[in-house]
Amino acid sequence: MRKLSQVQRERVSYQRAHLPRLLPIGLNEITGPEPETTQALLRKLARALRTQRRLARAGHWTYDLNRHMGLAEAWRRESGA
């Protein structure tokens, strides 16, 4: 059996239940009627990604590469890209 890299394991194991670790949202915001819930999550993810990019460009001490990668992966999975 082939071993998966850390990135591959994260892609396989994406779940909306993990989004409150990345975004300031509650569990009630990740469940609900589709596609409204997905669109709301995509807006929040896009805003958080813009913030992380801005922090990275500024070299700010609060920038977190792991959070940035998690947000980007969540956005890709939610958008279907």
PDB file of N, CA and C in Angstrom:
ATOM      1  N   MET A   1       0.836  -1.176   0.000  1.00  0.00           N
ATOM      2  CA  MET A   1       0.000   0.000   0.000  1.00  0.00           C
ATOM      3  C   MET A   1       0.882   1.241   0.000  1.00  0.00           C
ATOM      4  N   ARG A   2       0.525   2.212  -0.806  1.00  0.00           N
ATOM      5  CA  ARG A   2       1.301   3.434  -0.944  1.00  0.00           C
ATOM      6  C   ARG A   2       1.009   4.394   0.195  1.00  0.00           C
ATOM      7  N   LYS A   3       2.040   4.998   0.748  1.00  0.00           N
ATOM      8  CA  LYS A   3       1.855   5.972   1.821  1.00  0.00           C
ATOM      9  C   LYS A   3       1.460   7.315   1.221  1.00  0.00           C
ATOM     10  N   LEU A   4       0.526   8.000   1.896  1.00  0.00           N
ATOM     11  CA  LEU A   4       0.092   9.311   1.445  1.00  0.00           C
ATOM     12  C   LEU A   4       0.891  10.388   2.162  1.00  0.00           C
ATOM     13  N   SER A   5       1.176  11.478   1.452  1.00  0.00           N
ATOM     14  CA  SER A   5       1.843  12.604   2.086  1.00  0.00           C
ATOM     15  C   SER A   5       0.836  13.323   2.980  1.00  0.00           C
ATOM     16  N   GLN A   6       1.329  14.233   3.810  1.00  0.00           N
ATOM     17  CA  GLN A   6       0.448  14.987   4.705  1.00  0.00           C
ATOM     18  C   GLN A   6      -0.594  15.778   3.915  1.00  0.00           C
ATOM     19  N   VAL A   7      -0.186  16.410   2.829  1.00  0.00           N
ATOM     20  CA  VAL A   7      -1.111  17.198   2.009  1.00  0.00           C
ATOM     21  C   VAL A   7      -2.183  16.298   1.407  1.00  0.00           C
ATOM     22  N   GLN A   8      -1.793  15.123   0.933  1.00  0.00           N
ATOM     23  CA  GLN A   8      -2.768  14.201   0.351  1.00  0.00           C
ATOM     24  C   GLN A   8      -3.754  13.719   1.397  1.00  0.00           C
ATOM     25  N   ARG A   9      -3.289  13.447   2.613  1.00  0.00           N
ATOM     26  CA  ARG A   9      -4.194  13.017   3.681  1.00  0.00           C
ATOM     27  C   ARG A   9      -5.199  14.113   4.005  1.00  0.00           C
ATOM     28  N   GLU A  10      -4.750  15.373   4.022  1.00  0.00           N
ATOM     29  CA  GLU A  10      -5.655  16.477   4.316  1.00  0.00           C
ATOM     30  C   GLU A  10      -6.696  16.634   3.224  1.00  0.00           C
ATOM     31  N   ARG A  11      -6.302  16.444   1.983  1.00  0.00           N
ATOM     32  CA  ARG A  11      -7.264  16.558   0.881  1.00  0.00           C
ATOM     33  C   ARG A  11      -8.312  15.465   0.963  1.00  0.00           C
ATOM     34  N   VAL A  12      -7.890  14.275   1.344  1.00  0.00           N
ATOM     35  CA  VAL A  12      -8.816  13.154   1.451  1.00  0.00           C
ATOM     36  C   VAL A  12      -9.768  13.364   2.616  1.00  0.00           C
ATOM     37  N   SER A  13      -9.279  13.948   3.701  1.00  0.00           N
ATOM     38  CA  SER A  13     -10.074  14.014   4.920  1.00  0.00           C
ATOM     39  C   SER A  13     -10.781  15.344   5.136  1.00  0.00           C
ATOM     40  N   TYR A  14     -10.975  16.158   4.098  1.00  0.00           N
ATOM     41  CA  TYR A  14     -11.654  17.440   4.273  1.00  0.00           C
ATOM     42  C   TYR A  14     -13.089  17.225   4.738  1.00  0.00           C
ATOM     43  N   GLN A  15     -13.472  17.954   5.757  1.00  0.00           N
ATOM     44  CA  GLN A  15     -14.845  17.929   6.247  1.00  0.00           C
ATOM     45  C   GLN A  15     -15.217  19.336   6.681  1.00  0.00           C
ATOM     46  N   ARG A  16     -16.449  19.719   6.434  1.00  0.00           N
ATOM     47  CA  ARG A  16     -16.912  21.037   6.856  1.00  0.00           C
ATOM     48  C   ARG A  16     -16.830  21.220   8.360  1.00  0.00           C
ATOM     49  N   ALA A  17     -16.906  20.145   9.094  1.00  0.00           N
ATOM     50  CA  ALA A  17     -16.877  20.233  10.556  1.00  0.00           C
ATOM     51  C   ALA A  17     -15.559  20.828  11.055  1.00  0.00           C
ATOM     52  N   HIS A  18     -14.519  20.815  10.220  1.00  0.00           N
ATOM     53  CA  HIS A  18     -13.228  21.367  10.621  1.00  0.00           C
ATOM     54  C   HIS A  18     -13.118  22.863  10.357  1.00  0.00           C
ATOM     55  N   LEU A  19     -14.071  23.446   9.639  1.00  0.00           N
ATOM     56  CA  LEU A  19     -13.994  24.862   9.291  1.00  0.00           C
ATOM     57  C   LEU A  19     -13.969  25.801  10.501  1.00  0.00           C
ATOM     58  N   PRO A  20     -14.661  25.511  11.609  1.00  0.00           N
ATOM     59  CA  PRO A  20     -14.558  26.433  12.748  1.00  0.00           C
ATOM     60  C   PRO A  20     -13.146  26.590  13.304  1.00  0.00           C
ATOM     61  N   ARG A  21     -12.242  25.693  12.952  1.00  0.00           N
ATOM     62  CA  ARG A  21     -10.840  25.861  13.352  1.00  0.00           C
ATOM     63  C   ARG A  21     -10.157  26.936  12.519  1.00  0.00           C
ATOM     64  N   LEU A  22     -10.655  27.172  11.313  1.00  0.00           N
ATOM     65  CA  LEU A  22     -10.056  28.142  10.409  1.00  0.00           C
ATOM     66  C   LEU A  22     -10.777  29.480  10.387  1.00  0.00           C
ATOM     67  N   LEU A  23     -12.073  29.441  10.602  1.00  0.00           N
ATOM     68  CA  LEU A  23     -12.897  30.638  10.511  1.00  0.00           C
ATOM     69  C   LEU A  23     -13.664  30.853  11.807  1.00  0.00           C
ATOM     70  N   PRO A  24     -13.963  32.101  12.121  1.00  0.00           N
ATOM     71  CA  PRO A  24     -14.779  32.357  13.313  1.00  0.00           C
ATOM     72  C   PRO A  24     -16.270  32.114  13.015  1.00  0.00           C
ATOM     73  N   ILE A  25     -16.635  30.845  12.881  1.00  0.00           N
ATOM     74  CA  ILE A  25     -18.020  30.474  12.599  1.00  0.00           C
ATOM     75  C   ILE A  25     -18.434  29.368  13.560  1.00  0.00           C
ATOM     76  N   GLY A  26     -19.734  29.228  13.712  1.00  0.00           N
ATOM     77  CA  GLY A  26     -20.271  28.167  14.542  1.00  0.00           C
ATOM     78  C   GLY A  26     -20.720  26.994  13.696  1.00  0.00           C
ATOM     79  N   LEU A  27     -21.009  25.908  14.362  1.00  0.00           N
ATOM     80  CA  LEU A  27     -21.459  24.720  13.635  1.00  0.00           C
ATOM     81  C   LEU A  27     -22.779  24.952  12.915  1.00  0.00           C
ATOM     82  N   ASN A  28     -23.610  25.859  13.433  1.00  0.00           N
ATOM     83  CA  ASN A  28     -24.884  26.127  12.770  1.00  0.00           C
ATOM     84  C   ASN A  28     -24.696  26.825  11.424  1.00  0.00           C
ATOM     85  N   GLU A  29     -23.536  27.434  11.193  1.00  0.00           N
ATOM     86  CA  GLU A  29     -23.281  28.116   9.930  1.00  0.00           C
ATOM     87  C   GLU A  29     -22.740  27.194   8.846  1.00  0.00           C
ATOM     88  N   ILE A  30     -22.365  25.981   9.204  1.00  0.00           N
ATOM     89  CA  ILE A  30     -21.849  25.056   8.192  1.00  0.00           C
ATOM     90  C   ILE A  30     -22.883  24.023   7.772  1.00  0.00           C
ATOM     91  N   THR A  31     -24.044  24.088   8.392  1.00  0.00           N
ATOM     92  CA  THR A  31     -25.132  23.208   7.983  1.00  0.00           C
ATOM     93  C   THR A  31     -26.286  24.086   7.527  1.00  0.00           C
ATOM     94  N   GLY A  32     -27.070  23.579   6.660  1.00  0.00           N
ATOM     95  CA  GLY A  32     -28.211  24.343   6.193  1.00  0.00           C
ATOM     96  C   GLY A  32     -28.515  24.016   4.748  1.00  0.00           C
ATOM     97  N   PRO A  33     -29.445  24.772   4.198  1.00  0.00           N
ATOM     98  CA  PRO A  33     -29.858  24.492   2.813  1.00  0.00           C
ATOM     99  C   PRO A  33     -28.745  24.820   1.827  1.00  0.00           C
ATOM    100  N   GLU A  34     -28.597  23.933   0.872  1.00  0.00           N
ATOM    101  CA  GLU A  34     -27.622  24.160  -0.202  1.00  0.00           C
ATOM    102  C   GLU A  34     -28.355  24.843  -1.339  1.00  0.00           C
ATOM    103  N   PRO A  35     -27.774  25.652  -2.118  1.00  0.00           N
ATOM    104  CA  PRO A  35     -26.397  26.113  -2.199  1.00  0.00           C
ATOM    105  C   PRO A  35     -26.124  27.372  -1.366  1.00  0.00           C
ATOM    106  N   GLU A  36     -27.110  27.851  -0.608  1.00  0.00           N
ATOM    107  CA  GLU A  36     -26.906  29.077   0.177  1.00  0.00           C
ATOM    108  C   GLU A  36     -25.766  28.928   1.181  1.00  0.00           C
ATOM    109  N   THR A  37     -25.697  27.773   1.831  1.00  0.00           N
ATOM    110  CA  THR A  37     -24.647  27.541   2.819  1.00  0.00           C
ATOM    111  C   THR A  37     -23.270  27.559   2.164  1.00  0.00           C
ATOM    112  N   THR A  38     -23.162  26.909   1.021  1.00  0.00           N
ATOM    113  CA  THR A  38     -21.885  26.876   0.311  1.00  0.00           C
ATOM    114  C   THR A  38     -21.474  28.277  -0.116  1.00  0.00           C
ATOM    115  N   GLN A  39     -22.408  29.063  -0.641  1.00  0.00           N
ATOM    116  CA  GLN A  39     -22.086  30.423  -1.075  1.00  0.00           C
ATOM    117  C   GLN A  39     -21.642  31.289   0.094  1.00  0.00           C
ATOM    118  N   ALA A  40     -22.295  31.163   1.232  1.00  0.00           N
ATOM    119  CA  ALA A  40     -21.909  31.933   2.420  1.00  0.00           C
ATOM    120  C   ALA A  40     -20.519  31.526   2.888  1.00  0.00           C
ATOM    121  N   LEU A  41     -20.239  30.231   2.879  1.00  0.00           N
ATOM    122  CA  LEU A  41     -18.909  29.756   3.283  1.00  0.00           C
ATOM    123  C   LEU A  41     -17.831  30.241   2.315  1.00  0.00           C
ATOM    124  N   LEU A  42     -18.133  30.231   1.025  1.00  0.00           N
ATOM    125  CA  LEU A  42     -17.153  30.699   0.043  1.00  0.00           C
ATOM    126  C   LEU A  42     -16.839  32.179   0.240  1.00  0.00           C
ATOM    127  N   ARG A  43     -17.847  32.984   0.563  1.00  0.00           N
ATOM    128  CA  ARG A  43     -17.602  34.405   0.826  1.00  0.00           C
ATOM    129  C   ARG A  43     -16.700  34.589   2.039  1.00  0.00           C
ATOM    130  N   LYS A  44     -16.959  33.836   3.104  1.00  0.00           N
ATOM    131  CA  LYS A  44     -16.136  33.941   4.312  1.00  0.00           C
ATOM    132  C   LYS A  44     -14.723  33.436   4.071  1.00  0.00           C
ATOM    133  N   LEU A  45     -14.603  32.353   3.323  1.00  0.00           N
ATOM    134  CA  LEU A  45     -13.271  31.814   3.008  1.00  0.00           C
ATOM    135  C   LEU A  45     -12.485  32.794   2.142  1.00  0.00           C
ATOM    136  N   ALA A  46     -13.139  33.410   1.166  1.00  0.00           N
ATOM    137  CA  ALA A  46     -12.460  34.374   0.296  1.00  0.00           C
ATOM    138  C   ALA A  46     -11.969  35.571   1.102  1.00  0.00           C
ATOM    139  N   ARG A  47     -12.777  36.057   2.019  1.00  0.00           N
ATOM    140  CA  ARG A  47     -12.381  37.185   2.863  1.00  0.00           C
ATOM    141  C   ARG A  47     -11.180  36.810   3.732  1.00  0.00           C
ATOM    142  N   ALA A  48     -11.213  35.611   4.315  1.00  0.00           N
ATOM    143  CA  ALA A  48     -10.103  35.166   5.163  1.00  0.00           C
ATOM    144  C   ALA A  48      -8.830  34.971   4.347  1.00  0.00           C
ATOM    145  N   LEU A  49      -8.972  34.475   3.116  1.00  0.00           N
ATOM    146  CA  LEU A  49      -7.799  34.312   2.248  1.00  0.00           C
ATOM    147  C   LEU A  49      -7.185  35.662   1.882  1.00  0.00           C
ATOM    148  N   ARG A  50      -8.029  36.652   1.580  1.00  0.00           N
ATOM    149  CA  ARG A  50      -7.512  37.991   1.285  1.00  0.00           C
ATOM    150  C   ARG A  50      -6.731  38.537   2.470  1.00  0.00           C
ATOM    151  N   THR A  51      -7.251  38.313   3.669  1.00  0.00           N
ATOM    152  CA  THR A  51      -6.568  38.786   4.872  1.00  0.00           C
ATOM    153  C   THR A  51      -5.226  38.099   5.038  1.00  0.00           C
ATOM    154  N   GLN A  52      -5.180  36.782   4.825  1.00  0.00           N
ATOM    155  CA  GLN A  52      -3.920  36.054   4.962  1.00  0.00           C
ATOM    156  C   GLN A  52      -2.901  36.507   3.913  1.00  0.00           C
ATOM    157  N   ARG A  53      -3.356  36.759   2.702  1.00  0.00           N
ATOM    158  CA  ARG A  53      -2.437  37.230   1.657  1.00  0.00           C
ATOM    159  C   ARG A  53      -1.863  38.600   2.030  1.00  0.00           C
ATOM    160  N   ARG A  54      -2.731  39.463   2.545  1.00  0.00           N
ATOM    161  CA  ARG A  54      -2.287  40.800   2.949  1.00  0.00           C
ATOM    162  C   ARG A  54      -1.250  40.700   4.074  1.00  0.00           C
ATOM    163  N   LEU A  55      -1.505  39.829   5.052  1.00  0.00           N
ATOM    164  CA  LEU A  55      -0.559  39.643   6.147  1.00  0.00           C
ATOM    165  C   LEU A  55       0.777  39.087   5.645  1.00  0.00           C
ATOM    166  N   ALA A  56       0.712  38.167   4.685  1.00  0.00           N
ATOM    167  CA  ALA A  56       1.933  37.569   4.141  1.00  0.00           C
ATOM    168  C   ALA A  56       2.769  38.611   3.411  1.00  0.00           C
ATOM    169  N   ARG A  57       2.118  39.420   2.579  1.00  0.00           N
ATOM    170  CA  ARG A  57       2.852  40.446   1.836  1.00  0.00           C
ATOM    171  C   ARG A  57       3.488  41.472   2.763  1.00  0.00           C
ATOM    172  N   ALA A  58       2.810  41.772   3.874  1.00  0.00           N
ATOM    173  CA  ALA A  58       3.324  42.759   4.817  1.00  0.00           C
ATOM    174  C   ALA A  58       4.392  42.174   5.734  1.00  0.00           C
ATOM    175  N   GLY A  59       4.532  40.850   5.734  1.00  0.00           N
ATOM    176  CA  GLY A  59       5.495  40.214   6.632  1.00  0.00           C
ATOM    177  C   GLY A  59       5.064  40.312   8.090  1.00  0.00           C
ATOM    178  N   HIS A  60       3.770  40.353   8.298  1.00  0.00           N
ATOM    179  CA  HIS A  60       3.234  40.517   9.651  1.00  0.00           C
ATOM    180  C   HIS A  60       3.478  39.260  10.485  1.00  0.00           C
ATOM    181  N   TRP A  61       3.727  39.457  11.760  1.00  0.00           N
ATOM    182  CA  TRP A  61       4.073  38.333  12.639  1.00  0.00           C
ATOM    183  C   TRP A  61       2.890  37.395  12.879  1.00  0.00           C
ATOM    184  N   THR A  62       1.661  37.814  12.612  1.00  0.00           N
ATOM    185  CA  THR A  62       0.508  36.940  12.835  1.00  0.00           C
ATOM    186  C   THR A  62       0.193  36.045  11.630  1.00  0.00           C
ATOM    187  N   TYR A  63       0.921  36.233  10.521  1.00  0.00           N
ATOM    188  CA  TYR A  63       0.678  35.389   9.358  1.00  0.00           C
ATOM    189  C   TYR A  63       0.979  33.936   9.703  1.00  0.00           C
ATOM    190  N   ASP A  64       0.092  33.037   9.259  1.00  0.00           N
ATOM    191  CA  ASP A  64       0.236  31.616   9.536  1.00  0.00           C
ATOM    192  C   ASP A  64       0.118  30.837   8.228  1.00  0.00           C
ATOM    193  N   LEU A  65       1.220  30.291   7.769  1.00  0.00           N
ATOM    194  CA  LEU A  65       1.237  29.558   6.509  1.00  0.00           C
ATOM    195  C   LEU A  65       0.302  28.353   6.555  1.00  0.00           C
ATOM    196  N   ASN A  66       0.253  27.651   7.664  1.00  0.00           N
ATOM    197  CA  ASN A  66      -0.626  26.484   7.766  1.00  0.00           C
ATOM    198  C   ASN A  66      -2.096  26.890   7.674  1.00  0.00           C
ATOM    199  N   ARG A  67      -2.454  28.001   8.298  1.00  0.00           N
ATOM    200  CA  ARG A  67      -3.829  28.485   8.201  1.00  0.00           C
ATOM    201  C   ARG A  67      -4.147  28.882   6.765  1.00  0.00           C
ATOM    202  N   HIS A  68      -3.200  29.556   6.124  1.00  0.00           N
ATOM    203  CA  HIS A  68      -3.378  29.966   4.739  1.00  0.00           C
ATOM    204  C   HIS A  68      -3.609  28.750   3.841  1.00  0.00           C
ATOM    205  N   MET A  69      -2.800  27.719   4.020  1.00  0.00           N
ATOM    206  CA  MET A  69      -2.961  26.505   3.232  1.00  0.00           C
ATOM    207  C   MET A  69      -4.299  25.827   3.519  1.00  0.00           C
ATOM    208  N   GLY A  70      -4.714  25.803   4.776  1.00  0.00           N
ATOM    209  CA  GLY A  70      -5.996  25.216   5.135  1.00  0.00           C
ATOM    210  C   GLY A  70      -7.159  25.969   4.524  1.00  0.00           C
ATOM    211  N   LEU A  71      -7.088  27.303   4.550  1.00  0.00           N
ATOM    212  CA  LEU A  71      -8.140  28.120   3.945  1.00  0.00           C
ATOM    213  C   LEU A  71      -8.201  27.906   2.438  1.00  0.00           C
ATOM    214  N   ALA A  72      -7.040  27.846   1.801  1.00  0.00           N
ATOM    215  CA  ALA A  72      -6.997  27.638   0.357  1.00  0.00           C
ATOM    216  C   ALA A  72      -7.579  26.277  -0.023  1.00  0.00           C
ATOM    217  N   GLU A  73      -7.240  25.257   0.737  1.00  0.00           N
ATOM    218  CA  GLU A  73      -7.770  23.918   0.457  1.00  0.00           C
ATOM    219  C   GLU A  73      -9.280  23.873   0.681  1.00  0.00           C
ATOM    220  N   ALA A  74      -9.747  24.491   1.752  1.00  0.00           N
ATOM    221  CA  ALA A  74     -11.190  24.530   2.024  1.00  0.00           C
ATOM    222  C   ALA A  74     -11.913  25.262   0.901  1.00  0.00           C
ATOM    223  N   TRP A  75     -11.332  26.376   0.436  1.00  0.00           N
ATOM    224  CA  TRP A  75     -11.964  27.127  -0.649  1.00  0.00           C
ATOM    225  C   TRP A  75     -12.031  26.277  -1.920  1.00  0.00           C
ATOM    226  N   ARG A  76     -10.928  25.571  -2.239  1.00  0.00           N
ATOM    227  CA  ARG A  76     -10.926  24.697  -3.427  1.00  0.00           C
ATOM    228  C   ARG A  76     -11.983  23.612  -3.318  1.00  0.00           C
ATOM    229  N   ARG A  77     -12.085  22.993  -2.147  1.00  0.00           N
ATOM    230  CA  ARG A  77     -13.054  21.907  -1.984  1.00  0.00           C
ATOM    231  C   ARG A  77     -14.490  22.404  -2.042  1.00  0.00           C
ATOM    232  N   GLU A  78     -14.745  23.551  -1.413  1.00  0.00           N
ATOM    233  CA  GLU A  78     -16.109  24.095  -1.407  1.00  0.00           C
ATOM    234  C   GLU A  78     -16.523  24.610  -2.785  1.00  0.00           C
ATOM    235  N   SER A  79     -15.572  25.185  -3.516  1.00  0.00           N
ATOM    236  CA  SER A  79     -15.899  25.752  -4.828  1.00  0.00           C
ATOM    237  C   SER A  79     -15.909  24.699  -5.921  1.00  0.00           C
ATOM    238  N   GLY A  80     -15.322  23.559  -5.637  1.00  0.00           N
ATOM    239  CA  GLY A  80     -15.255  22.511  -6.641  1.00  0.00           C
ATOM    240  C   GLY A  80     -14.143  22.735  -7.650  1.00  0.00           C
ATOM    241  N   ALA A  81     -13.265  23.666  -7.348  1.00  0.00           N
ATOM    242  CA  ALA A  81     -12.152  23.978  -8.277  1.00  0.00           C
ATOM    243  C   ALA A  81     -11.070  22.927  -8.224  1.00  0.00           C
TER     244      ALA A  81
END
